[in-house]
Amino acid sequence: MKLINKITIDQSPMPSALTVRQFTVFGDPGAVFSLTITNEDNHFYNFSEELDKNGDLKVAVAFTSTPASLTLKTI
């Protein structure tokens, strides 16, 4: 079984003008993880995993009451 050993992320309150929060996942190569982000109202961050015409990842602009999470990612 491949394991996730550690996740590092700044958990301080995030200003509304900030659109990026870096995180690092440490684990065995091939380990799989997902991520769910909620705000103080228990609304879910609407992860956008679409690329724009320049190949850049589109940024989600809002939280939603509908459960949402990052699709499974492999280290």
PDB file of N, CA and C in Angstrom:
ATOM      1  N   MET A   1       0.841  -1.176   0.000  1.00  0.00           N
ATOM      2  CA  MET A   1       0.000   0.000   0.000  1.00  0.00           C
ATOM      3  C   MET A   1       0.888   1.242   0.000  1.00  0.00           C
ATOM      4  N   LYS A   2       0.601   2.171  -0.887  1.00  0.00           N
ATOM      5  CA  LYS A   2       1.347   3.418  -0.977  1.00  0.00           C
ATOM      6  C   LYS A   2       0.708   4.441  -0.032  1.00  0.00           C
ATOM      7  N   LEU A   3       1.543   5.154   0.724  1.00  0.00           N
ATOM      8  CA  LEU A   3       1.033   6.024   1.784  1.00  0.00           C
ATOM      9  C   LEU A   3       1.321   7.493   1.530  1.00  0.00           C
ATOM     10  N   ILE A   4       0.396   8.330   1.984  1.00  0.00           N
ATOM     11  CA  ILE A   4       0.614   9.771   2.108  1.00  0.00           C
ATOM     12  C   ILE A   4       1.189   9.961   3.505  1.00  0.00           C
ATOM     13  N   ASN A   5       2.372  10.561   3.620  1.00  0.00           N
ATOM     14  CA  ASN A   5       3.029  10.715   4.911  1.00  0.00           C
ATOM     15  C   ASN A   5       2.783  12.067   5.561  1.00  0.00           C
ATOM     16  N   LYS A   6       2.590  13.101   4.739  1.00  0.00           N
ATOM     17  CA  LYS A   6       2.469  14.455   5.300  1.00  0.00           C
ATOM     18  C   LYS A   6       1.875  15.388   4.251  1.00  0.00           C
ATOM     19  N   ILE A   7       1.073  16.325   4.717  1.00  0.00           N
ATOM     20  CA  ILE A   7       0.555  17.398   3.871  1.00  0.00           C
ATOM     21  C   ILE A   7       0.882  18.708   4.567  1.00  0.00           C
ATOM     22  N   THR A   8       1.477  19.632   3.854  1.00  0.00           N
ATOM     23  CA  THR A   8       1.757  20.945   4.435  1.00  0.00           C
ATOM     24  C   THR A   8       0.954  22.000   3.672  1.00  0.00           C
ATOM     25  N   ILE A   9       0.261  22.841   4.452  1.00  0.00           N
ATOM     26  CA  ILE A   9      -0.524  23.935   3.878  1.00  0.00           C
ATOM     27  C   ILE A   9      -0.669  25.013   4.941  1.00  0.00           C
ATOM     28  N   ASP A  10      -0.564  26.251   4.536  1.00  0.00           N
ATOM     29  CA  ASP A  10      -0.769  27.373   5.444  1.00  0.00           C
ATOM     30  C   ASP A  10      -2.260  27.433   5.762  1.00  0.00           C
ATOM     31  N   GLN A  11      -2.622  27.269   7.023  1.00  0.00           N
ATOM     32  CA  GLN A  11      -4.031  27.249   7.414  1.00  0.00           C
ATOM     33  C   GLN A  11      -4.522  28.580   7.965  1.00  0.00           C
ATOM     34  N   SER A  12      -3.719  29.621   7.833  1.00  0.00           N
ATOM     35  CA  SER A  12      -4.153  30.931   8.311  1.00  0.00           C
ATOM     36  C   SER A  12      -5.287  31.458   7.430  1.00  0.00           C
ATOM     37  N   PRO A  13      -6.124  32.371   7.963  1.00  0.00           N
ATOM     38  CA  PRO A  13      -7.203  32.941   7.151  1.00  0.00           C
ATOM     39  C   PRO A  13      -6.647  33.527   5.860  1.00  0.00           C
ATOM     40  N   MET A  14      -7.387  33.340   4.798  1.00  0.00           N
ATOM     41  CA  MET A  14      -6.934  33.769   3.477  1.00  0.00           C
ATOM     42  C   MET A  14      -7.700  35.009   3.051  1.00  0.00           C
ATOM     43  N   PRO A  15      -7.008  36.110   2.742  1.00  0.00           N
ATOM     44  CA  PRO A  15      -7.700  37.312   2.284  1.00  0.00           C
ATOM     45  C   PRO A  15      -8.472  37.033   0.992  1.00  0.00           C
ATOM     46  N   SER A  16      -9.587  37.702   0.809  1.00  0.00           N
ATOM     47  CA  SER A  16     -10.411  37.453  -0.377  1.00  0.00           C
ATOM     48  C   SER A  16      -9.681  37.794  -1.672  1.00  0.00           C
ATOM     49  N   ALA A  17      -8.696  38.677  -1.616  1.00  0.00           N
ATOM     50  CA  ALA A  17      -7.963  39.057  -2.825  1.00  0.00           C
ATOM     51  C   ALA A  17      -6.924  37.997  -3.225  1.00  0.00           C
ATOM     52  N   LEU A  18      -6.610  37.079  -2.330  1.00  0.00           N
ATOM     53  CA  LEU A  18      -5.625  36.045  -2.620  1.00  0.00           C
ATOM     54  C   LEU A  18      -6.308  34.893  -3.339  1.00  0.00           C
ATOM     55  N   THR A  19      -5.753  34.459  -4.466  1.00  0.00           N
ATOM     56  CA  THR A  19      -6.403  33.410  -5.253  1.00  0.00           C
ATOM     57  C   THR A  19      -5.633  32.101  -5.277  1.00  0.00           C
ATOM     58  N   VAL A  20      -4.451  32.078  -4.658  1.00  0.00           N
ATOM     59  CA  VAL A  20      -3.638  30.862  -4.694  1.00  0.00           C
ATOM     60  C   VAL A  20      -3.146  30.524  -3.297  1.00  0.00           C
ATOM     61  N   ARG A  21      -3.225  29.276  -2.958  1.00  0.00           N
ATOM     62  CA  ARG A  21      -2.653  28.791  -1.705  1.00  0.00           C
ATOM     63  C   ARG A  21      -1.888  27.524  -2.058  1.00  0.00           C
ATOM     64  N   GLN A  22      -0.588  27.570  -1.848  1.00  0.00           N
ATOM     65  CA  GLN A  22       0.261  26.424  -2.163  1.00  0.00           C
ATOM     66  C   GLN A  22       0.117  25.345  -1.093  1.00  0.00           C
ATOM     67  N   PHE A  23       0.203  24.086  -1.508  1.00  0.00           N
ATOM     68  CA  PHE A  23       0.268  22.989  -0.563  1.00  0.00           C
ATOM     69  C   PHE A  23       1.196  21.933  -1.132  1.00  0.00           C
ATOM     70  N   THR A  24       1.739  21.127  -0.252  1.00  0.00           N
ATOM     71  CA  THR A  24       2.650  20.071  -0.660  1.00  0.00           C
ATOM     72  C   THR A  24       2.208  18.764  -0.029  1.00  0.00           C
ATOM     73  N   VAL A  25       2.176  17.721  -0.837  1.00  0.00           N
ATOM     74  CA  VAL A  25       1.804  16.389  -0.368  1.00  0.00           C
ATOM     75  C   VAL A  25       3.048  15.504  -0.475  1.00  0.00           C
ATOM     76  N   PHE A  26       3.417  14.890   0.641  1.00  0.00           N
ATOM     77  CA  PHE A  26       4.571  14.000   0.693  1.00  0.00           C
ATOM     78  C   PHE A  26       4.076  12.575   0.834  1.00  0.00           C
ATOM     79  N   GLY A  27       4.653  11.674   0.084  1.00  0.00           N
ATOM     80  CA  GLY A  27       4.275  10.276   0.212  1.00  0.00           C
ATOM     81  C   GLY A  27       5.002   9.401  -0.770  1.00  0.00           C
ATOM     82  N   ASP A  28       4.585   8.164  -0.797  1.00  0.00           N
ATOM     83  CA  ASP A  28       5.187   7.188  -1.696  1.00  0.00           C
ATOM     84  C   ASP A  28       4.787   7.496  -3.140  1.00  0.00           C
ATOM     85  N   PRO A  29       5.726   7.327  -4.082  1.00  0.00           N
ATOM     86  CA  PRO A  29       5.355   7.469  -5.496  1.00  0.00           C
ATOM     87  C   PRO A  29       4.197   6.524  -5.819  1.00  0.00           C
ATOM     88  N   GLY A  30       3.182   7.060  -6.484  1.00  0.00           N
ATOM     89  CA  GLY A  30       1.998   6.276  -6.808  1.00  0.00           C
ATOM     90  C   GLY A  30       0.876   6.398  -5.794  1.00  0.00           C
ATOM     91  N   ALA A  31       1.142   7.039  -4.646  1.00  0.00           N
ATOM     92  CA  ALA A  31       0.074   7.261  -3.663  1.00  0.00           C
ATOM     93  C   ALA A  31      -0.948   8.229  -4.257  1.00  0.00           C
ATOM     94  N   VAL A  32      -2.214   8.049  -3.907  1.00  0.00           N
ATOM     95  CA  VAL A  32      -3.314   8.831  -4.475  1.00  0.00           C
ATOM     96  C   VAL A  32      -3.976   9.652  -3.374  1.00  0.00           C
ATOM     97  N   PHE A  33      -4.348  10.899  -3.700  1.00  0.00           N
ATOM     98  CA  PHE A  33      -5.024  11.751  -2.727  1.00  0.00           C
ATOM     99  C   PHE A  33      -6.044  12.645  -3.418  1.00  0.00           C
ATOM    100  N   SER A  34      -6.916  13.218  -2.608  1.00  0.00           N
ATOM    101  CA  SER A  34      -7.858  14.236  -3.044  1.00  0.00           C
ATOM    102  C   SER A  34      -7.861  15.317  -1.972  1.00  0.00           C
ATOM    103  N   LEU A  35      -8.553  16.408  -2.213  1.00  0.00           N
ATOM    104  CA  LEU A  35      -8.571  17.523  -1.279  1.00  0.00           C
ATOM    105  C   LEU A  35      -9.940  18.181  -1.322  1.00  0.00           C
ATOM    106  N   THR A  36     -10.495  18.471  -0.139  1.00  0.00           N
ATOM    107  CA  THR A  36     -11.757  19.201  -0.029  1.00  0.00           C
ATOM    108  C   THR A  36     -11.495  20.437   0.815  1.00  0.00           C
ATOM    109  N   ILE A  37     -11.917  21.594   0.333  1.00  0.00           N
ATOM    110  CA  ILE A  37     -11.714  22.865   1.026  1.00  0.00           C
ATOM    111  C   ILE A  37     -13.081  23.454   1.350  1.00  0.00           C
ATOM    112  N   THR A  38     -13.277  23.866   2.613  1.00  0.00           N
ATOM    113  CA  THR A  38     -14.518  24.548   2.985  1.00  0.00           C
ATOM    114  C   THR A  38     -14.185  25.893   3.616  1.00  0.00           C
ATOM    115  N   ASN A  39     -15.161  26.795   3.554  1.00  0.00           N
ATOM    116  CA  ASN A  39     -14.979  28.092   4.214  1.00  0.00           C
ATOM    117  C   ASN A  39     -15.688  28.087   5.563  1.00  0.00           C
ATOM    118  N   GLU A  40     -15.736  29.231   6.212  1.00  0.00           N
ATOM    119  CA  GLU A  40     -16.323  29.317   7.554  1.00  0.00           C
ATOM    120  C   GLU A  40     -17.823  29.013   7.571  1.00  0.00           C
ATOM    121  N   ASP A  41     -18.475  29.064   6.412  1.00  0.00           N
ATOM    122  CA  ASP A  41     -19.901  28.752   6.310  1.00  0.00           C
ATOM    123  C   ASP A  41     -20.138  27.318   5.852  1.00  0.00           C
ATOM    124  N   ASN A  42     -19.075  26.509   5.854  1.00  0.00           N
ATOM    125  CA  ASN A  42     -19.136  25.117   5.394  1.00  0.00           C
ATOM    126  C   ASN A  42     -19.561  24.984   3.940  1.00  0.00           C
ATOM    127  N   HIS A  43     -19.232  25.995   3.128  1.00  0.00           N
ATOM    128  CA  HIS A  43     -19.424  25.883   1.688  1.00  0.00           C
ATOM    129  C   HIS A  43     -18.133  25.333   1.093  1.00  0.00           C
ATOM    130  N   PHE A  44     -18.262  24.615   0.017  1.00  0.00           N
ATOM    131  CA  PHE A  44     -17.138  23.930  -0.594  1.00  0.00           C
ATOM    132  C   PHE A  44     -16.481  24.801  -1.660  1.00  0.00           C
ATOM    133  N   TYR A  45     -15.134  24.762  -1.698  1.00  0.00           N
ATOM    134  CA  TYR A  45     -14.410  25.443  -2.760  1.00  0.00           C
ATOM    135  C   TYR A  45     -14.690  24.712  -4.054  1.00  0.00           C
ATOM    136  N   ASN A  46     -15.039  25.447  -5.088  1.00  0.00           N
ATOM    137  CA  ASN A  46     -15.386  24.876  -6.377  1.00  0.00           C
ATOM    138  C   ASN A  46     -14.111  24.765  -7.216  1.00  0.00           C
ATOM    139  N   PHE A  47     -13.396  23.646  -7.063  1.00  0.00           N
ATOM    140  CA  PHE A  47     -12.147  23.458  -7.794  1.00  0.00           C
ATOM    141  C   PHE A  47     -12.397  23.526  -9.290  1.00  0.00           C
ATOM    142  N   SER A  48     -11.606  24.317  -9.953  1.00  0.00           N
ATOM    143  CA  SER A  48     -11.660  24.381 -11.407  1.00  0.00           C
ATOM    144  C   SER A  48     -10.436  23.667 -11.931  1.00  0.00           C
ATOM    145  N   GLU A  49     -10.646  22.660 -12.725  1.00  0.00           N
ATOM    146  CA  GLU A  49      -9.516  21.914 -13.275  1.00  0.00           C
ATOM    147  C   GLU A  49      -9.512  21.997 -14.794  1.00  0.00           C
ATOM    148  N   GLU A  50     -10.073  23.085 -15.314  1.00  0.00           N
ATOM    149  CA  GLU A  50     -10.089  23.295 -16.750  1.00  0.00           C
ATOM    150  C   GLU A  50      -8.964  24.244 -17.138  1.00  0.00           C
ATOM    151  N   LEU A  51      -8.426  24.034 -18.324  1.00  0.00           N
ATOM    152  CA  LEU A  51      -7.380  24.917 -18.828  1.00  0.00           C
ATOM    153  C   LEU A  51      -7.999  25.948 -19.763  1.00  0.00           C
ATOM    154  N   ASP A  52      -7.470  27.179 -19.725  1.00  0.00           N
ATOM    155  CA  ASP A  52      -7.943  28.198 -20.654  1.00  0.00           C
ATOM    156  C   ASP A  52      -7.222  28.023 -21.991  1.00  0.00           C
ATOM    157  N   LYS A  53      -7.475  28.932 -22.954  1.00  0.00           N
ATOM    158  CA  LYS A  53      -6.903  28.788 -24.301  1.00  0.00           C
ATOM    159  C   LYS A  53      -5.380  28.879 -24.310  1.00  0.00           C
ATOM    160  N   ASN A  54      -4.777  29.436 -23.238  1.00  0.00           N
ATOM    161  CA  ASN A  54      -3.319  29.519 -23.141  1.00  0.00           C
ATOM    162  C   ASN A  54      -2.710  28.323 -22.413  1.00  0.00           C
ATOM    163  N   GLY A  55      -3.558  27.399 -21.983  1.00  0.00           N
ATOM    164  CA  GLY A  55      -3.070  26.229 -21.267  1.00  0.00           C
ATOM    165  C   GLY A  55      -2.901  26.457 -19.781  1.00  0.00           C
ATOM    166  N   ASP A  56      -3.373  27.624 -19.276  1.00  0.00           N
ATOM    167  CA  ASP A  56      -3.288  27.920 -17.847  1.00  0.00           C
ATOM    168  C   ASP A  56      -4.542  27.412 -17.146  1.00  0.00           C
ATOM    169  N   LEU A  57      -4.370  26.971 -15.896  1.00  0.00           N
ATOM    170  CA  LEU A  57      -5.497  26.481 -15.118  1.00  0.00           C
ATOM    171  C   LEU A  57      -6.433  27.628 -14.779  1.00  0.00           C
ATOM    172  N   LYS A  58      -7.732  27.460 -15.064  1.00  0.00           N
ATOM    173  CA  LYS A  58      -8.722  28.478 -14.710  1.00  0.00           C
ATOM    174  C   LYS A  58      -8.908  28.488 -13.194  1.00  0.00           C
ATOM    175  N   VAL A  59      -9.096  29.661 -12.627  1.00  0.00           N
ATOM    176  CA  VAL A  59      -9.268  29.801 -11.181  1.00  0.00           C
ATOM    177  C   VAL A  59     -10.754  29.844 -10.844  1.00  0.00           C
ATOM    178  N   ALA A  60     -11.159  29.046  -9.862  1.00  0.00           N
ATOM    179  CA  ALA A  60     -12.543  29.077  -9.401  1.00  0.00           C
ATOM    180  C   ALA A  60     -12.798  30.412  -8.714  1.00  0.00           C
ATOM    181  N   VAL A  61     -13.994  30.941  -8.869  1.00  0.00           N
ATOM    182  CA  VAL A  61     -14.283  32.269  -8.323  1.00  0.00           C
ATOM    183  C   VAL A  61     -15.233  32.246  -7.135  1.00  0.00           C
ATOM    184  N   ALA A  62     -15.709  31.077  -6.728  1.00  0.00           N
ATOM    185  CA  ALA A  62     -16.698  31.080  -5.657  1.00  0.00           C
ATOM    186  C   ALA A  62     -16.740  29.745  -4.924  1.00  0.00           C
ATOM    187  N   PHE A  63     -17.355  29.792  -3.753  1.00  0.00           N
ATOM    188  CA  PHE A  63     -17.659  28.586  -3.000  1.00  0.00           C
ATOM    189  C   PHE A  63     -19.078  28.168  -3.347  1.00  0.00           C
ATOM    190  N   THR A  64     -19.410  26.917  -3.089  1.00  0.00           N
ATOM    191  CA  THR A  64     -20.725  26.398  -3.425  1.00  0.00           C
ATOM    192  C   THR A  64     -21.239  25.525  -2.285  1.00  0.00           C
ATOM    193  N   SER A  65     -22.548  25.417  -2.147  1.00  0.00           N
ATOM    194  CA  SER A  65     -23.116  24.533  -1.125  1.00  0.00           C
ATOM    195  C   SER A  65     -23.104  23.078  -1.595  1.00  0.00           C
ATOM    196  N   THR A  66     -22.869  22.872  -2.890  1.00  0.00           N
ATOM    197  CA  THR A  66     -22.785  21.529  -3.445  1.00  0.00           C
ATOM    198  C   THR A  66     -21.401  20.950  -3.150  1.00  0.00           C
ATOM    199  N   PRO A  67     -21.318  19.769  -2.553  1.00  0.00           N
ATOM    200  CA  PRO A  67     -20.003  19.193  -2.254  1.00  0.00           C
ATOM    201  C   PRO A  67     -19.117  19.137  -3.490  1.00  0.00           C
ATOM    202  N   ALA A  68     -17.876  19.563  -3.324  1.00  0.00           N
ATOM    203  CA  ALA A  68     -16.900  19.567  -4.419  1.00  0.00           C
ATOM    204  C   ALA A  68     -15.540  19.257  -3.843  1.00  0.00           C
ATOM    205  N   SER A  69     -14.725  18.556  -4.598  1.00  0.00           N
ATOM    206  CA  SER A  69     -13.363  18.270  -4.164  1.00  0.00           C
ATOM    207  C   SER A  69     -12.468  18.149  -5.385  1.00  0.00           C
ATOM    208  N   LEU A  70     -11.191  18.219  -5.139  1.00  0.00           N
ATOM    209  CA  LEU A  70     -10.202  18.021  -6.190  1.00  0.00           C
ATOM    210  C   LEU A  70     -10.296  16.577  -6.637  1.00  0.00           C
ATOM    211  N   THR A  71     -10.231  16.340  -7.941  1.00  0.00           N
ATOM    212  CA  THR A  71     -10.251  14.962  -8.418  1.00  0.00           C
ATOM    213  C   THR A  71      -9.000  14.240  -7.906  1.00  0.00           C
ATOM    214  N   LEU A  72      -9.050  12.942  -7.903  1.00  0.00           N
ATOM    215  CA  LEU A  72      -7.936  12.150  -7.396  1.00  0.00           C
ATOM    216  C   LEU A  72      -6.647  12.514  -8.124  1.00  0.00           C
ATOM    217  N   LYS A  73      -5.588  12.697  -7.360  1.00  0.00           N
ATOM    218  CA  LYS A  73      -4.258  13.017  -7.889  1.00  0.00           C
ATOM    219  C   LYS A  73      -3.284  11.964  -7.420  1.00  0.00           C
ATOM    220  N   THR A  74      -2.304  11.667  -8.247  1.00  0.00           N
ATOM    221  CA  THR A  74      -1.292  10.664  -7.918  1.00  0.00           C
ATOM    222  C   THR A  74       0.069  11.338  -7.777  1.00  0.00           C
ATOM    223  N   ILE A  75       0.787  10.979  -6.721  1.00  0.00           N
ATOM    224  CA  ILE A  75       2.133  11.516  -6.506  1.00  0.00           C
ATOM    225  C   ILE A  75       3.065  10.874  -7.528  1.00  0.00           C
TER     226      ILE A  75
END
